[in-house]
Protein backbone atom coordinates (compact mmCIF):
# COMPACT_ATOMS: atom_id res chain seq x y z
CA MET A 1 -23.24 93.37 -24.87
CA SER A 2 -20.10 94.83 -26.22
CA THR A 3 -17.28 93.00 -27.87
CA GLU A 4 -14.91 94.20 -25.23
CA SER A 5 -17.12 93.19 -22.19
CA ALA A 6 -17.28 90.12 -24.07
CA ALA A 7 -13.54 89.33 -24.13
CA VAL A 8 -13.26 90.32 -20.52
CA SER A 9 -15.82 87.76 -19.33
CA THR A 10 -14.48 84.70 -21.11
CA ALA A 11 -10.74 85.77 -19.74
CA THR A 12 -11.98 86.06 -16.49
CA THR A 13 -14.30 82.49 -16.37
CA PRO A 14 -12.07 78.97 -15.83
CA THR A 15 -12.77 76.32 -18.12
CA ALA A 16 -11.80 72.76 -17.89
CA PRO A 17 -8.63 71.39 -20.19
CA ARG A 18 -9.97 69.86 -23.28
CA VAL A 19 -8.41 65.95 -23.57
CA ALA A 20 -8.26 64.15 -26.80
CA ASP A 21 -10.37 61.18 -26.95
CA SER A 22 -8.15 58.56 -27.49
CA GLY A 23 -10.73 55.42 -27.43
CA ALA A 24 -9.38 54.45 -23.59
CA PRO A 25 -11.33 54.00 -21.30
CA ARG A 26 -11.83 56.54 -18.50
CA ALA A 27 -10.55 56.01 -15.18
CA ALA A 28 -12.63 56.92 -11.79
CA ALA A 29 -11.46 59.48 -9.35
CA GLY A 30 -9.39 57.55 -7.25
CA ARG A 31 -9.54 54.28 -8.70
CA PRO A 32 -6.87 53.30 -11.94
CA ALA A 33 -8.83 52.53 -15.10
CA GLY A 34 -10.13 49.26 -15.68
CA ALA A 35 -10.79 48.50 -11.91
CA SER A 36 -14.22 46.78 -10.66
CA GLY A 37 -16.20 47.29 -8.04
CA GLY A 38 -17.70 50.56 -8.82
CA PRO A 39 -21.45 51.40 -9.23
CA GLY A 40 -23.72 49.09 -11.85
CA VAL A 41 -20.40 47.20 -12.61
CA ALA A 42 -20.81 43.21 -12.33
CA ARG A 43 -18.06 41.51 -10.47
CA PRO A 44 -17.08 38.06 -11.98
CA ARG A 45 -18.04 34.99 -10.41
CA LYS A 46 -16.76 31.57 -9.62
CA PRO A 47 -17.85 29.41 -11.93
CA ARG A 48 -19.51 27.13 -9.52
CA ARG A 49 -20.86 25.01 -12.07
CA ASP A 50 -17.57 23.45 -13.01
CA THR A 51 -17.28 22.86 -9.09
CA LEU A 52 -20.52 21.33 -9.05
CA ALA A 53 -19.30 19.22 -11.73
CA GLY A 54 -16.45 18.07 -10.15
CA TYR A 55 -18.43 16.90 -6.75
CA VAL A 56 -20.74 15.06 -8.91
CA PHE A 57 -18.34 12.75 -10.62
CA LEU A 58 -16.50 12.00 -7.37
CA SER A 59 -19.42 11.52 -5.84
CA PRO A 60 -19.01 7.33 -6.51
CA TRP A 61 -15.86 7.36 -4.99
CA LEU A 62 -17.27 9.62 -1.91
CA ILE A 63 -19.83 7.05 -1.01
CA GLY A 64 -18.04 3.90 -1.60
CA PHE A 65 -15.59 5.41 1.01
CA ILE A 66 -17.82 6.51 3.64
CA GLY A 67 -20.24 3.49 3.18
CA LEU A 68 -17.95 0.86 2.88
CA THR A 69 -14.60 1.82 3.99
CA ALA A 70 -14.66 5.18 6.80
CA GLY A 71 -18.16 3.98 8.32
CA PRO A 72 -16.97 0.50 8.88
CA MET A 73 -13.54 1.62 10.19
CA LEU A 74 -15.72 4.17 12.57
CA PHE A 75 -17.75 1.26 13.86
CA SER A 76 -15.06 -1.20 14.39
CA LEU A 77 -13.30 1.12 16.40
CA TYR A 78 -16.29 1.62 18.67
CA LEU A 79 -17.34 -2.17 18.78
CA SER A 80 -13.85 -2.48 20.31
CA PHE A 81 -14.51 -0.95 23.21
CA THR A 82 -17.36 -2.97 23.91
CA SER A 83 -18.89 -6.46 24.17
CA TYR A 84 -20.82 -7.80 21.28
CA ASN A 85 -22.17 -10.64 19.90
CA ILE A 86 -24.57 -9.47 17.05
CA PHE A 87 -27.55 -11.14 18.87
CA SER A 88 -27.50 -8.07 21.32
CA SER A 89 -26.54 -4.63 21.91
CA PRO A 90 -23.08 -3.09 22.31
CA GLU A 91 -22.21 -3.46 26.07
CA TRP A 92 -19.81 -0.82 26.50
CA ILE A 93 -16.29 -2.24 28.57
CA GLY A 94 -14.09 0.13 28.03
CA LEU A 95 -10.60 -1.02 27.57
CA GLY A 96 -11.91 -4.95 28.56
CA ASN A 97 -11.01 -6.48 25.26
CA PHE A 98 -7.59 -4.83 25.10
CA GLU A 99 -6.55 -6.14 28.58
CA ARG A 100 -8.03 -9.35 28.05
CA MET A 101 -5.72 -9.80 25.37
CA MET A 102 -2.72 -9.62 27.68
CA SER A 103 -3.63 -12.88 29.31
CA ASP A 104 -5.01 -14.75 25.91
CA GLN A 105 -2.47 -17.67 25.46
CA LYS A 106 -4.04 -18.05 21.87
CA PHE A 107 -3.38 -14.66 21.13
CA TRP A 108 0.22 -14.37 21.88
CA GLY A 109 0.66 -17.77 20.21
CA SER A 110 -1.27 -16.50 16.96
CA VAL A 111 0.76 -13.19 17.25
CA GLN A 112 3.80 -15.46 17.42
CA ILE A 113 3.14 -17.07 14.75
CA THR A 114 2.58 -14.47 12.08
CA LEU A 115 5.77 -12.74 13.02
CA LEU A 116 7.80 -15.70 12.24
CA TYR A 117 6.12 -16.06 9.00
CA VAL A 118 6.49 -12.16 8.30
CA LEU A 119 10.24 -12.51 9.22
CA VAL A 120 11.13 -15.65 7.32
CA GLY A 121 9.06 -15.80 4.67
CA THR A 122 9.25 -11.57 3.36
CA PRO A 123 13.15 -11.86 3.40
CA ILE A 124 12.92 -15.37 1.34
CA LYS A 125 10.39 -13.95 -1.27
CA LEU A 126 12.13 -10.89 -2.00
CA ALA A 127 15.42 -12.99 -2.72
CA ALA A 128 13.69 -15.16 -5.00
CA ALA A 129 11.95 -12.40 -6.47
CA LEU A 130 15.25 -10.21 -7.30
CA GLY A 131 17.04 -13.46 -8.16
CA ILE A 132 14.59 -14.66 -10.49
CA ALA A 133 14.63 -10.25 -12.19
CA MET A 134 18.03 -10.64 -12.69
CA LEU A 135 18.14 -13.48 -14.84
CA LEU A 136 15.19 -12.36 -16.88
CA ASN A 137 16.89 -9.04 -17.26
CA ALA A 138 19.33 -10.16 -20.04
CA ARG A 139 17.90 -9.88 -23.56
CA ASN A 140 17.42 -13.20 -24.37
CA ARG A 141 15.12 -15.24 -26.72
CA GLY A 142 11.84 -16.25 -25.00
CA THR A 143 12.31 -13.73 -22.08
CA GLY A 144 9.05 -12.43 -22.78
CA PHE A 145 7.21 -16.06 -22.57
CA PHE A 146 9.28 -16.54 -18.98
CA ARG A 147 8.51 -13.45 -17.86
CA SER A 148 4.52 -13.89 -18.14
CA ALA A 149 4.84 -17.66 -16.77
CA PHE A 150 6.49 -16.17 -13.48
CA TYR A 151 3.94 -13.88 -12.96
CA ALA A 152 1.48 -16.24 -13.31
CA PRO A 153 1.18 -17.70 -9.54
CA SER A 154 0.77 -14.01 -8.25
CA LEU A 155 -2.44 -14.07 -10.31
CA ILE A 156 -4.00 -17.05 -8.96
CA GLY A 157 -1.99 -17.70 -6.00
CA ALA A 158 -4.16 -16.30 -3.09
CA SER A 159 -7.05 -18.49 -4.45
CA VAL A 160 -9.00 -20.87 -2.39
CA SER A 161 -8.54 -23.21 -5.31
CA ILE A 162 -4.70 -23.07 -5.09
CA ALA A 163 -4.65 -23.49 -1.26
CA ILE A 164 -6.60 -26.57 -1.70
CA VAL A 165 -4.28 -28.07 -3.80
CA TRP A 166 -1.19 -26.93 -2.00
CA ARG A 167 -2.94 -29.04 0.89
CA ALA A 168 -2.96 -32.23 -1.38
CA MET A 169 0.46 -31.85 -2.59
CA PHE A 170 1.79 -31.80 0.92
CA SER A 171 -0.50 -34.26 2.41
CA THR A 172 0.36 -38.13 2.86
CA ASP A 173 0.49 -40.07 0.07
CA GLY A 174 0.89 -36.66 -1.92
CA PRO A 175 3.54 -35.41 -4.82
CA VAL A 176 5.75 -34.18 -2.24
CA ASP A 177 5.66 -37.20 -0.48
CA ASN A 178 6.04 -39.54 -3.01
CA THR A 179 8.98 -37.69 -4.01
CA LEU A 180 10.80 -37.39 -1.17
CA ASN A 181 10.54 -41.22 -0.37
CA LEU A 182 11.97 -41.57 -3.87
CA PHE A 183 15.09 -40.41 -2.19
CA GLY A 184 14.60 -42.32 1.09
CA VAL A 185 13.17 -39.95 3.00
CA ASP A 186 9.89 -40.59 4.74
CA ILE A 187 8.65 -38.01 6.34
CA GLY A 188 4.90 -38.27 5.73
CA GLY A 189 2.33 -35.72 5.04
CA TRP A 190 4.17 -32.00 6.29
CA VAL A 191 -0.09 -30.77 6.96
CA GLY A 192 0.40 -33.21 9.88
CA ILE A 193 3.39 -32.21 11.55
CA PRO A 194 3.25 -28.66 12.90
CA ALA A 195 7.46 -28.12 12.62
CA LEU A 196 6.56 -28.38 8.83
CA VAL A 197 3.42 -26.46 8.65
CA LEU A 198 5.39 -22.84 8.12
CA PRO A 199 7.89 -24.32 6.21
CA MET A 200 5.24 -24.85 3.68
CA MET A 201 3.88 -21.53 4.02
CA ILE A 202 6.24 -19.82 3.10
CA LEU A 203 7.15 -22.14 0.07
CA LEU A 204 3.37 -21.21 -1.29
CA ALA A 205 4.42 -17.42 -0.10
CA VAL A 206 7.51 -17.52 -1.98
CA TRP A 207 5.91 -19.06 -5.19
CA GLN A 208 4.02 -15.89 -5.26
CA PHE A 209 7.09 -14.05 -6.04
CA GLY A 210 5.59 -12.52 -9.60
CA ALA A 211 4.68 -8.73 -8.07
CA PRO A 212 7.55 -8.02 -6.54
CA MET A 213 9.78 -9.73 -9.68
CA VAL A 214 8.15 -7.14 -12.04
CA ILE A 215 8.97 -4.45 -10.02
CA PHE A 216 12.70 -5.05 -9.15
CA LEU A 217 12.65 -6.09 -13.05
CA ALA A 218 11.65 -2.39 -13.93
CA GLY A 219 13.81 -1.03 -11.31
CA LEU A 220 16.90 -3.25 -13.04
CA LYS A 221 16.17 -1.29 -16.16
CA GLY A 222 16.37 2.13 -14.91
CA ILE A 223 19.99 1.38 -13.64
CA PRO A 224 22.70 2.97 -16.28
CA THR A 225 24.81 0.14 -17.77
CA GLU A 226 27.90 2.62 -17.42
CA LEU A 227 27.57 2.20 -13.94
CA TYR A 228 28.60 -1.47 -14.64
CA GLU A 229 31.16 -0.50 -17.39
CA ALA A 230 32.77 1.74 -14.80
CA ALA A 231 33.04 -1.39 -12.31
CA SER A 232 34.35 -3.60 -14.74
CA VAL A 233 37.00 -1.35 -15.54
CA ASP A 234 38.34 -1.02 -11.70
CA GLY A 235 38.26 -4.62 -11.88
CA ALA A 236 35.03 -5.60 -9.96
CA GLY A 237 33.54 -8.88 -10.24
CA PRO A 238 30.08 -10.04 -10.66
CA TRP A 239 29.53 -10.15 -6.82
CA ARG A 240 30.93 -6.58 -6.00
CA LYS A 241 29.46 -5.23 -9.00
CA PHE A 242 25.72 -6.82 -7.18
CA ARG A 243 26.84 -5.51 -3.87
CA SER A 244 28.13 -1.90 -4.91
CA VAL A 245 26.05 -1.16 -7.95
CA THR A 246 22.85 -3.08 -7.94
CA LEU A 247 21.86 -3.18 -4.40
CA PRO A 248 22.52 1.00 -4.21
CA MET A 249 20.63 1.56 -6.86
CA LEU A 250 17.68 -0.79 -6.41
CA SER A 251 17.48 0.46 -2.74
CA SER A 252 14.17 2.40 -3.25
CA VAL A 253 12.57 -0.46 -4.85
CA ILE A 254 13.88 -2.62 -2.73
CA PHE A 255 12.07 -0.73 0.30
CA PHE A 256 8.84 -0.29 -1.68
CA ASN A 257 9.09 -3.92 -1.88
CA LEU A 258 9.93 -5.28 1.69
CA LEU A 259 7.07 -2.25 2.70
CA LEU A 260 3.99 -3.81 0.42
CA GLU A 261 5.18 -7.50 1.07
CA MET A 262 5.46 -7.27 4.99
CA ILE A 263 2.14 -5.75 4.90
CA HIS A 264 0.72 -8.46 2.51
CA ALA A 265 2.25 -11.13 4.96
CA PHE A 266 0.47 -9.78 8.05
CA GLN A 267 -2.72 -10.17 5.92
CA ILE A 268 -2.13 -14.06 5.52
CA PHE A 269 -5.53 -15.53 5.98
CA ALA A 270 -7.19 -17.55 2.80
CA SER A 271 -4.26 -20.27 2.67
CA ALA A 272 -4.10 -20.76 6.37
CA TYR A 273 -7.67 -21.21 7.01
CA ILE A 274 -7.63 -23.78 4.32
CA ILE A 275 -4.69 -25.48 5.04
CA GLY A 276 -5.43 -25.80 8.90
CA SER A 277 -9.40 -26.82 7.82
CA GLY A 278 -10.60 -23.89 9.80
CA THR A 279 -9.50 -24.92 12.67
CA GLY A 280 -5.73 -23.11 13.22
CA GLY A 281 -4.33 -27.11 13.24
CA PRO A 282 -2.35 -28.99 13.55
CA ALA A 283 -1.21 -27.79 17.18
CA GLY A 284 -2.06 -23.78 16.27
CA ALA A 285 0.46 -24.34 13.58
CA THR A 286 -1.90 -22.36 10.92
CA ASN A 287 -3.46 -20.16 13.75
CA TYR A 288 -2.00 -16.81 12.31
CA TYR A 289 -3.77 -13.80 13.32
CA THR A 290 -5.91 -13.38 10.96
CA VAL A 291 -7.38 -16.58 11.41
CA TYR A 292 -7.19 -16.22 14.93
CA LEU A 293 -9.30 -13.07 14.58
CA TYR A 294 -11.95 -14.79 12.18
CA THR A 295 -12.69 -17.19 15.15
CA ARG A 296 -13.10 -15.29 17.06
CA ALA A 297 -15.97 -12.92 15.25
CA PHE A 298 -17.58 -15.44 13.21
CA ARG A 299 -17.18 -18.75 15.36
CA ASP A 300 -17.34 -17.39 18.43
CA GLY A 301 -19.51 -14.38 18.11
CA GLN A 302 -17.52 -12.19 19.52
CA LEU A 303 -17.29 -9.46 17.47
CA GLY A 304 -15.96 -7.07 20.14
CA TYR A 305 -12.83 -8.76 20.95
CA ALA A 306 -12.37 -9.44 17.31
CA SER A 307 -12.62 -5.42 16.39
CA ALA A 308 -9.98 -4.81 19.09
CA MET A 309 -7.71 -7.53 17.77
CA ALA A 310 -8.09 -5.83 13.72
CA TRP A 311 -7.22 -2.01 15.49
CA VAL A 312 -4.45 -3.53 17.21
CA LEU A 313 -3.05 -5.51 14.12
CA LEU A 314 -3.64 -2.25 12.34
CA LEU A 315 -1.75 0.07 14.51
CA ALA A 316 1.11 -2.95 15.09
CA VAL A 317 1.23 -2.45 10.99
CA GLY A 318 1.56 1.45 11.18
CA VAL A 319 3.97 1.49 13.36
CA ILE A 320 6.21 -1.17 11.94
CA ALA A 321 5.70 0.90 8.60
CA PHE A 322 6.86 3.92 10.65
CA ILE A 323 10.12 2.85 11.96
CA MET A 324 10.91 1.68 8.29
CA PHE A 325 10.19 5.18 7.01
CA ARG A 326 12.36 6.48 9.28
CA THR A 327 15.35 4.03 9.19
CA SER A 328 15.49 4.35 5.39
CA LYS A 329 17.24 7.69 5.36
CA SER A 330 19.89 5.46 6.35
CA TRP A 331 20.26 2.90 3.59
CA VAL A 332 17.39 4.21 0.79
CA HIS A 333 19.07 6.32 -1.70
CA TYR A 334 16.84 8.19 -4.62
CA GLY A 335 18.31 9.16 -8.10
CA GLY A 336 19.76 12.59 -7.52
CA ASP A 337 19.72 12.34 -3.46
CA SER A 338 23.57 14.30 -2.56
CA ARG A 339 24.17 11.92 0.40
């Protein structure tokens, strides 16, 4: 081939442009560089080992929750619609247990006593806790000791031993009776007088004010001192400072303590059972809701009826808590709230 024909052939044959190799990965046609999913390219997988390890560490709680909480609750819900006495198989009766409550006079008596205990005892307990917390909020010598001393009853107050001691204190010729006799007040043992059993139970509840006291104390520590200084400049006295500064700033803490103590008051059992000798006496004065529930379940063997009572209590407390949350918007104020 001549030189002229070779030159013509080279000029007429199309050639691909030469691209400089810069070291960057070449992109596939129609896909940006670095994209995955092409043939032979491994996609990143989810780290299943970490997920499995998380479930393994969570399994003890899951087993306990299902076996000790969720499972018994669902079984109790089923029993509430049955007639069951342990020795025979549950017999489905529908709403029979709930209809029976409507005509059970002892049931309504236990409801009345429990509501009275909650409505009277809870505010008094919270008032005592707030008062002691305000006294302990001052930085004086020995404050740490008094904080521990006032909190101690909350650790042992719900025990059976304290209930036995409390009953002995208010019995005939007990320390309370003998002390009142010194002032010429001859009442006798409070345990045997139905009208005095409720005040005795409320005193026992108020004596255990340590837990809400600690929460109130933490809330008081969070109130800026500038607010009290500004109130002093405006000429506010101690009562006005308490009403206009302390209570509004503690509204969220008050709501928290009120909710917890209300639920705790509905669950009173050990002290009422011990003081009333397990019979609800005298004259039904210690026949609180949980005591009557326990009596129906384990003394009378009516577990279906007791399960229905338990679910009624759960629903009642849930409704009260819901109402408290709905109404809290009008009086509970949080930090940074613009209302």
